[in-house]
Amino acid sequence: MRLLDHVLDLFYPTICAGCSEALVGGEQVLCLSCSLDLPFTRFHDDQDNVVEQRLKSRFEFEAASSLLFFHKKGRVQQMLHSLKYHRNEAAGLFMGRLLADELRASDRFATVESVVPVPLHPRKLKVRGYNQSDVIAQGMEERGFIKRENALQRLHDNSSQTRKDTFQRWKNVEGIFDLGDGSGLQGKHVLLLDDVLTTGATLEACAQALLKIPDIKLYVATVACAEH
């Protein structure tokens, strides 16, 4: 079996989700070079970090963070595109585990019980086959977080946020989310999860729905944070 694996790797090598080079020597998801050069933000222990500054005037939350900085054409963008458009679910699970480990090490996120990923519209979910934020949440679930993928529902299949300015992004997601199965989240400490933070419009629209739940304590995290 091992010989067969080596033969398959020779003709169909597994590639790094960060740089698209072939993985070697037991490397998984990322090559050693990309693994050692990930742009971690270290925001999880930093009160009033960039993420919190970007969101604090938009809705009420306890703490917010992002795992990595997002740079155009950088390895983080490559990882997220590999997950989102090339069905590389292993990359999503990997990023979810990394994010969970960072948050578990922080006193500011120590009481979080459940993770609610930003949902896709059922039509888009059927076309893509999976929700990238849900895959990331699965990785977090492996580290002990409870995944609640049905807590929110997307009411409209809106257009892509790409190439929209801040106001256009906000209008594009206004009123498109509502509570799904929010039972059991009353009084809970809940983490709202998305893949990338840009303007925060999507997170704001989701938060408005989740904050309808009585006594909820809302936290926010994304895998990546785009720098302005």
C-alpha atoms as a PDB file:
ATOM      1  CA  MET A   1       0.000   0.000   0.000  1.00  0.00           C
ATOM      2  CA  ARG A   2       2.845   2.362   0.853  1.00  0.00           C
ATOM      3  CA  LEU A   3       4.521   1.621  -2.484  1.00  0.00           C
ATOM      4  CA  LEU A   4       1.241   2.432  -4.257  1.00  0.00           C
ATOM      5  CA  ASP A   5       1.039   5.719  -2.368  1.00  0.00           C
ATOM      6  CA  HIS A   6       4.542   6.628  -3.500  1.00  0.00           C
ATOM      7  CA  VAL A   7       3.661   5.804  -7.118  1.00  0.00           C
ATOM      8  CA  LEU A   8       0.494   7.923  -6.930  1.00  0.00           C
ATOM      9  CA  ASP A   9       2.442  10.797  -5.359  1.00  0.00           C
ATOM     10  CA  LEU A  10       4.895  10.609  -8.238  1.00  0.00           C
ATOM     11  CA  PHE A  11       2.229  11.034 -10.911  1.00  0.00           C
ATOM     12  CA  TYR A  12      -0.424  12.922  -8.894  1.00  0.00           C
ATOM     13  CA  PRO A  13       1.474  14.820  -6.184  1.00  0.00           C
ATOM     14  CA  THR A  14      -0.440  16.495  -3.374  1.00  0.00           C
ATOM     15  CA  ILE A  15       0.257  20.198  -3.584  1.00  0.00           C
ATOM     16  CA  CYS A  16       0.735  22.804  -0.885  1.00  0.00           C
ATOM     17  CA  ALA A  17      -2.387  24.918  -0.297  1.00  0.00           C
ATOM     18  CA  GLY A  18      -0.178  27.973   0.215  1.00  0.00           C
ATOM     19  CA  CYS A  19       2.230  27.901  -2.722  1.00  0.00           C
ATOM     20  CA  SER A  20       1.044  25.013  -4.982  1.00  0.00           C
ATOM     21  CA  GLU A  21       4.404  23.222  -4.759  1.00  0.00           C
ATOM     22  CA  ALA A  22       4.365  19.439  -4.303  1.00  0.00           C
ATOM     23  CA  LEU A  23       4.272  18.285  -0.683  1.00  0.00           C
ATOM     24  CA  VAL A  24       7.064  15.939   0.371  1.00  0.00           C
ATOM     25  CA  GLY A  25       8.276  13.952   3.352  1.00  0.00           C
ATOM     26  CA  GLY A  26       5.022  13.664   5.265  1.00  0.00           C
ATOM     27  CA  GLU A  27       3.990  17.300   4.813  1.00  0.00           C
ATOM     28  CA  GLN A  28       0.219  17.823   5.012  1.00  0.00           C
ATOM     29  CA  VAL A  29      -1.788  20.754   3.638  1.00  0.00           C
ATOM     30  CA  LEU A  30       1.183  23.163   3.790  1.00  0.00           C
ATOM     31  CA  CYS A  31       4.831  22.720   2.931  1.00  0.00           C
ATOM     32  CA  LEU A  32       7.392  23.437   5.640  1.00  0.00           C
ATOM     33  CA  SER A  33       8.285  26.807   4.121  1.00  0.00           C
ATOM     34  CA  CYS A  34       4.671  28.042   4.137  1.00  0.00           C
ATOM     35  CA  SER A  35       4.035  26.623   7.615  1.00  0.00           C
ATOM     36  CA  LEU A  36       6.956  28.587   9.022  1.00  0.00           C
ATOM     37  CA  ASP A  37       5.938  31.809   7.301  1.00  0.00           C
ATOM     38  CA  LEU A  38       2.232  32.117   8.092  1.00  0.00           C
ATOM     39  CA  PRO A  39       1.353  35.752   8.956  1.00  0.00           C
ATOM     40  CA  PHE A  40      -0.258  35.237  12.373  1.00  0.00           C
ATOM     41  CA  THR A  41      -1.963  38.326  13.834  1.00  0.00           C
ATOM     42  CA  ARG A  42      -1.764  37.304  17.520  1.00  0.00           C
ATOM     43  CA  PHE A  43      -4.930  39.374  18.029  1.00  0.00           C
ATOM     44  CA  HIS A  44      -6.628  36.884  20.367  1.00  0.00           C
ATOM     45  CA  ASP A  45      -5.027  38.380  23.511  1.00  0.00           C
ATOM     46  CA  ASP A  46      -5.075  41.972  22.228  1.00  0.00           C
ATOM     47  CA  GLN A  47      -8.074  43.960  23.422  1.00  0.00           C
ATOM     48  CA  ASP A  48      -9.165  46.640  20.944  1.00  0.00           C
ATOM     49  CA  ASN A  49      -7.210  44.998  18.139  1.00  0.00           C
ATOM     50  CA  VAL A  50      -7.772  45.883  14.470  1.00  0.00           C
ATOM     51  CA  VAL A  51     -10.732  43.505  14.171  1.00  0.00           C
ATOM     52  CA  GLU A  52     -12.452  44.938  17.228  1.00  0.00           C
ATOM     53  CA  GLN A  53     -11.830  48.485  16.046  1.00  0.00           C
ATOM     54  CA  ARG A  54     -13.418  47.632  12.707  1.00  0.00           C
ATOM     55  CA  LEU A  55     -16.528  46.093  14.299  1.00  0.00           C
ATOM     56  CA  LYS A  56     -17.100  47.888  17.611  1.00  0.00           C
ATOM     57  CA  SER A  57     -19.369  50.612  16.225  1.00  0.00           C
ATOM     58  CA  ARG A  58     -21.429  48.057  14.261  1.00  0.00           C
ATOM     59  CA  PHE A  59     -22.821  45.648  16.878  1.00  0.00           C
ATOM     60  CA  GLU A  60     -22.276  44.450  20.443  1.00  0.00           C
ATOM     61  CA  PHE A  61     -19.753  41.662  21.082  1.00  0.00           C
ATOM     62  CA  GLU A  62     -17.490  40.430  23.876  1.00  0.00           C
ATOM     63  CA  ALA A  63     -14.262  39.901  21.909  1.00  0.00           C
ATOM     64  CA  ALA A  64     -13.184  39.554  18.281  1.00  0.00           C
ATOM     65  CA  SER A  65     -10.102  38.249  16.502  1.00  0.00           C
ATOM     66  CA  SER A  66      -8.600  36.988  13.247  1.00  0.00           C
ATOM     67  CA  LEU A  67      -5.997  34.259  12.938  1.00  0.00           C
ATOM     68  CA  LEU A  68      -3.975  35.486   9.941  1.00  0.00           C
ATOM     69  CA  PHE A  69      -3.342  38.612   7.910  1.00  0.00           C
ATOM     70  CA  PHE A  70      -4.735  38.483   4.360  1.00  0.00           C
ATOM     71  CA  HIS A  71      -2.568  39.880   1.568  1.00  0.00           C
ATOM     72  CA  LYS A  72      -3.556  39.853  -2.090  1.00  0.00           C
ATOM     73  CA  LYS A  73      -1.780  37.043  -3.956  1.00  0.00           C
ATOM     74  CA  GLY A  74      -0.304  35.848  -0.645  1.00  0.00           C
ATOM     75  CA  ARG A  75      -0.318  32.327   0.743  1.00  0.00           C
ATOM     76  CA  VAL A  76      -3.366  32.970   2.975  1.00  0.00           C
ATOM     77  CA  GLN A  77      -5.429  34.013  -0.050  1.00  0.00           C
ATOM     78  CA  GLN A  78      -4.143  30.917  -1.850  1.00  0.00           C
ATOM     79  CA  MET A  79      -5.203  28.694   1.079  1.00  0.00           C
ATOM     80  CA  LEU A  80      -8.680  30.201   1.218  1.00  0.00           C
ATOM     81  CA  HIS A  81      -9.142  29.974  -2.564  1.00  0.00           C
ATOM     82  CA  SER A  82      -8.005  26.361  -2.435  1.00  0.00           C
ATOM     83  CA  LEU A  83     -10.748  25.680   0.116  1.00  0.00           C
ATOM     84  CA  LYS A  84     -13.459  27.814  -1.459  1.00  0.00           C
ATOM     85  CA  TYR A  85     -13.035  27.049  -5.154  1.00  0.00           C
ATOM     86  CA  HIS A  86     -10.971  23.857  -5.418  1.00  0.00           C
ATOM     87  CA  ARG A  87     -12.695  21.640  -2.832  1.00  0.00           C
ATOM     88  CA  ASN A  88      -9.616  21.453  -0.618  1.00  0.00           C
ATOM     89  CA  GLU A  89     -11.522  20.735   2.564  1.00  0.00           C
ATOM     90  CA  ALA A  90      -8.318  19.586   4.258  1.00  0.00           C
ATOM     91  CA  ALA A  91      -7.122  23.196   4.110  1.00  0.00           C
ATOM     92  CA  GLY A  92     -10.305  24.377   5.843  1.00  0.00           C
ATOM     93  CA  LEU A  93     -10.014  21.773   8.584  1.00  0.00           C
ATOM     94  CA  PHE A  94      -6.371  22.723   9.076  1.00  0.00           C
ATOM     95  CA  MET A  95      -7.202  26.427   9.424  1.00  0.00           C
ATOM     96  CA  GLY A  96     -10.063  25.618  11.796  1.00  0.00           C
ATOM     97  CA  ARG A  97      -7.760  23.631  14.059  1.00  0.00           C
ATOM     98  CA  LEU A  98      -5.185  26.441  14.068  1.00  0.00           C
ATOM     99  CA  LEU A  99      -7.856  29.030  14.921  1.00  0.00           C
ATOM    100  CA  ALA A 100      -9.310  26.860  17.679  1.00  0.00           C
ATOM    101  CA  ASP A 101      -5.892  26.335  19.264  1.00  0.00           C
ATOM    102  CA  GLU A 102      -5.240  30.094  19.280  1.00  0.00           C
ATOM    103  CA  LEU A 103      -8.601  30.878  20.881  1.00  0.00           C
ATOM    104  CA  ARG A 104      -8.311  28.066  23.431  1.00  0.00           C
ATOM    105  CA  ALA A 105      -5.053  29.633  24.619  1.00  0.00           C
ATOM    106  CA  SER A 106      -6.734  32.999  25.247  1.00  0.00           C
ATOM    107  CA  ASP A 107      -8.549  33.976  28.443  1.00  0.00           C
ATOM    108  CA  ARG A 108     -10.695  36.343  26.372  1.00  0.00           C
ATOM    109  CA  PHE A 109     -12.306  33.435  24.478  1.00  0.00           C
ATOM    110  CA  ALA A 110     -12.154  30.808  27.237  1.00  0.00           C
ATOM    111  CA  THR A 111     -15.919  30.689  27.827  1.00  0.00           C
ATOM    112  CA  VAL A 112     -16.973  30.208  24.182  1.00  0.00           C
ATOM    113  CA  GLU A 113     -19.167  27.103  23.879  1.00  0.00           C
ATOM    114  CA  SER A 114     -20.585  27.057  20.367  1.00  0.00           C
ATOM    115  CA  VAL A 115     -19.458  28.119  16.901  1.00  0.00           C
ATOM    116  CA  VAL A 116     -21.932  29.480  14.350  1.00  0.00           C
ATOM    117  CA  PRO A 117     -20.494  29.641  10.818  1.00  0.00           C
ATOM    118  CA  VAL A 118     -21.802  32.215   8.353  1.00  0.00           C
ATOM    119  CA  PRO A 119     -24.240  30.225   6.155  1.00  0.00           C
ATOM    120  CA  LEU A 120     -24.512  29.939   2.385  1.00  0.00           C
ATOM    121  CA  HIS A 121     -27.826  30.161   0.581  1.00  0.00           C
ATOM    122  CA  PRO A 122     -29.129  26.620  -0.190  1.00  0.00           C
ATOM    123  CA  ARG A 123     -28.827  27.275  -3.934  1.00  0.00           C
ATOM    124  CA  LYS A 124     -25.163  28.218  -3.688  1.00  0.00           C
ATOM    125  CA  LEU A 125     -24.543  25.382  -1.245  1.00  0.00           C
ATOM    126  CA  LYS A 126     -25.943  22.908  -3.761  1.00  0.00           C
ATOM    127  CA  VAL A 127     -23.682  24.254  -6.517  1.00  0.00           C
ATOM    128  CA  ARG A 128     -20.501  24.414  -4.413  1.00  0.00           C
ATOM    129  CA  GLY A 129     -21.185  21.257  -2.443  1.00  0.00           C
ATOM    130  CA  TYR A 130     -20.161  22.659   0.940  1.00  0.00           C
ATOM    131  CA  ASN A 131     -19.897  25.871   2.951  1.00  0.00           C
ATOM    132  CA  GLN A 132     -16.271  26.914   3.477  1.00  0.00           C
ATOM    133  CA  SER A 133     -17.049  28.486   6.876  1.00  0.00           C
ATOM    134  CA  ASP A 134     -18.736  25.280   7.974  1.00  0.00           C
ATOM    135  CA  VAL A 135     -15.629  23.271   7.027  1.00  0.00           C
ATOM    136  CA  ILE A 136     -13.499  25.631   9.137  1.00  0.00           C
ATOM    137  CA  ALA A 137     -15.987  25.132  11.987  1.00  0.00           C
ATOM    138  CA  GLN A 138     -15.560  21.364  11.613  1.00  0.00           C
ATOM    139  CA  GLY A 139     -11.857  21.826  12.239  1.00  0.00           C
ATOM    140  CA  MET A 140     -12.699  23.799  15.373  1.00  0.00           C
ATOM    141  CA  GLU A 141     -15.084  21.051  16.432  1.00  0.00           C
ATOM    142  CA  GLU A 142     -12.133  18.656  16.427  1.00  0.00           C
ATOM    143  CA  ARG A 143     -10.657  20.879  19.144  1.00  0.00           C
ATOM    144  CA  GLY A 144     -13.763  20.783  21.336  1.00  0.00           C
ATOM    145  CA  PHE A 145     -15.985  23.600  20.054  1.00  0.00           C
ATOM    146  CA  ILE A 146     -19.639  22.727  19.373  1.00  0.00           C
ATOM    147  CA  LYS A 147     -20.560  23.473  15.762  1.00  0.00           C
ATOM    148  CA  ARG A 148     -24.041  24.949  15.207  1.00  0.00           C
ATOM    149  CA  GLU A 149     -24.303  25.234  11.433  1.00  0.00           C
ATOM    150  CA  ASN A 150     -28.100  25.629  11.449  1.00  0.00           C
ATOM    151  CA  ALA A 151     -28.325  28.531  13.906  1.00  0.00           C
ATOM    152  CA  LEU A 152     -28.494  31.042  11.040  1.00  0.00           C
ATOM    153  CA  GLN A 153     -30.228  30.876   7.681  1.00  0.00           C
ATOM    154  CA  ARG A 154     -29.533  32.873   4.548  1.00  0.00           C
ATOM    155  CA  LEU A 155     -32.779  34.198   3.092  1.00  0.00           C
ATOM    156  CA  HIS A 156     -31.469  35.546  -0.215  1.00  0.00           C
ATOM    157  CA  ASP A 157     -28.791  34.422  -2.657  1.00  0.00           C
ATOM    158  CA  ASN A 158     -27.078  37.786  -2.930  1.00  0.00           C
ATOM    159  CA  SER A 159     -24.309  38.663  -5.374  1.00  0.00           C
ATOM    160  CA  SER A 160     -20.621  38.362  -4.539  1.00  0.00           C
ATOM    161  CA  GLN A 161     -19.088  40.963  -2.208  1.00  0.00           C
ATOM    162  CA  THR A 162     -15.944  41.096  -4.330  1.00  0.00           C
ATOM    163  CA  ARG A 163     -15.244  44.503  -5.925  1.00  0.00           C
ATOM    164  CA  LYS A 164     -17.957  46.247  -3.862  1.00  0.00           C
ATOM    165  CA  ASP A 165     -17.172  49.258  -1.698  1.00  0.00           C
ATOM    166  CA  THR A 166     -18.142  49.466   1.979  1.00  0.00           C
ATOM    167  CA  PHE A 167     -21.639  50.866   1.435  1.00  0.00           C
ATOM    168  CA  GLN A 168     -22.373  48.465  -1.432  1.00  0.00           C
ATOM    169  CA  ARG A 169     -21.263  45.519   0.724  1.00  0.00           C
ATOM    170  CA  TRP A 170     -23.567  46.611   3.537  1.00  0.00           C
ATOM    171  CA  LYS A 171     -26.559  47.043   1.198  1.00  0.00           C
ATOM    172  CA  ASN A 172     -25.773  43.691  -0.431  1.00  0.00           C
ATOM    173  CA  VAL A 173     -26.208  41.786   2.855  1.00  0.00           C
ATOM    174  CA  GLU A 174     -28.839  43.952   4.553  1.00  0.00           C
ATOM    175  CA  GLY A 175     -31.583  41.707   5.945  1.00  0.00           C
ATOM    176  CA  ILE A 176     -30.403  38.525   4.205  1.00  0.00           C
ATOM    177  CA  PHE A 177     -29.816  36.523   7.408  1.00  0.00           C
ATOM    178  CA  ASP A 178     -32.286  35.360  10.019  1.00  0.00           C
ATOM    179  CA  LEU A 179     -32.344  32.916  12.886  1.00  0.00           C
ATOM    180  CA  GLY A 180     -32.603  29.272  11.924  1.00  0.00           C
ATOM    181  CA  ASP A 181     -32.396  26.760  14.755  1.00  0.00           C
ATOM    182  CA  GLY A 182     -31.289  29.054  17.554  1.00  0.00           C
ATOM    183  CA  SER A 183     -32.776  26.855  20.245  1.00  0.00           C
ATOM    184  CA  GLY A 184     -30.363  26.131  23.034  1.00  0.00           C
ATOM    185  CA  LEU A 185     -28.275  29.269  22.470  1.00  0.00           C
ATOM    186  CA  GLN A 186     -30.140  31.455  24.960  1.00  0.00           C
ATOM    187  CA  GLY A 187     -27.676  32.683  27.575  1.00  0.00           C
ATOM    188  CA  LYS A 188     -24.766  30.954  25.785  1.00  0.00           C
ATOM    189  CA  HIS A 189     -21.346  32.235  24.753  1.00  0.00           C
ATOM    190  CA  VAL A 190     -21.367  31.906  20.975  1.00  0.00           C
ATOM    191  CA  LEU A 191     -18.622  32.473  18.400  1.00  0.00           C
ATOM    192  CA  LEU A 192     -19.693  33.860  15.015  1.00  0.00           C
ATOM    193  CA  LEU A 193     -17.270  32.510  12.395  1.00  0.00           C
ATOM    194  CA  ASP A 194     -16.399  33.629   8.853  1.00  0.00           C
ATOM    195  CA  ASP A 195     -13.449  33.033   6.548  1.00  0.00           C
ATOM    196  CA  VAL A 196     -12.292  36.617   5.839  1.00  0.00           C
ATOM    197  CA  LEU A 197     -12.976  39.993   7.438  1.00  0.00           C
ATOM    198  CA  THR A 198     -12.986  42.910   5.005  1.00  0.00           C
ATOM    199  CA  THR A 199     -15.507  45.636   5.842  1.00  0.00           C
ATOM    200  CA  GLY A 200     -17.451  43.546   8.379  1.00  0.00           C
ATOM    201  CA  ALA A 201     -20.778  43.900   6.542  1.00  0.00           C
ATOM    202  CA  THR A 202     -21.516  40.168   6.474  1.00  0.00           C
ATOM    203  CA  LEU A 203     -20.614  39.716  10.135  1.00  0.00           C
ATOM    204  CA  GLU A 204     -22.797  42.678  11.081  1.00  0.00           C
ATOM    205  CA  ALA A 205     -25.794  41.227   9.244  1.00  0.00           C
ATOM    206  CA  CYS A 206     -25.309  37.850  10.942  1.00  0.00           C
ATOM    207  CA  ALA A 207     -24.809  39.430  14.361  1.00  0.00           C
ATOM    208  CA  GLN A 208     -28.065  41.370  14.064  1.00  0.00           C
ATOM    209  CA  ALA A 209     -29.890  38.066  13.682  1.00  0.00           C
ATOM    210  CA  LEU A 210     -28.022  36.238  16.475  1.00  0.00           C
ATOM    211  CA  LEU A 211     -28.468  39.112  18.937  1.00  0.00           C
ATOM    212  CA  LYS A 212     -32.217  38.488  18.841  1.00  0.00           C
ATOM    213  CA  ILE A 213     -31.507  35.481  21.091  1.00  0.00           C
ATOM    214  CA  PRO A 214     -32.060  36.479  24.744  1.00  0.00           C
ATOM    215  CA  ASP A 215     -28.940  36.887  26.897  1.00  0.00           C
ATOM    216  CA  ILE A 216     -26.544  35.665  24.223  1.00  0.00           C
ATOM    217  CA  LYS A 217     -22.860  36.592  24.603  1.00  0.00           C
ATOM    218  CA  LEU A 218     -21.439  37.048  21.119  1.00  0.00           C
ATOM    219  CA  TYR A 219     -17.813  36.568  20.085  1.00  0.00           C
ATOM    220  CA  VAL A 220     -16.406  36.933  16.567  1.00  0.00           C
ATOM    221  CA  ALA A 221     -13.520  35.253  14.746  1.00  0.00           C
ATOM    222  CA  THR A 222     -12.322  34.913  11.176  1.00  0.00           C
ATOM    223  CA  VAL A 223      -9.466  32.949   9.677  1.00  0.00           C
ATOM    224  CA  ALA A 224      -8.102  36.041   7.942  1.00  0.00           C
ATOM    225  CA  CYS A 225      -8.245  39.809   8.189  1.00  0.00           C
ATOM    226  CA  ALA A 226      -7.772  41.952   5.101  1.00  0.00           C
ATOM    227  CA  GLU A 227      -5.606  44.985   5.762  1.00  0.00           C
ATOM    228  CA  HIS A 228      -7.004  48.334   4.579  1.00  0.00           C
END
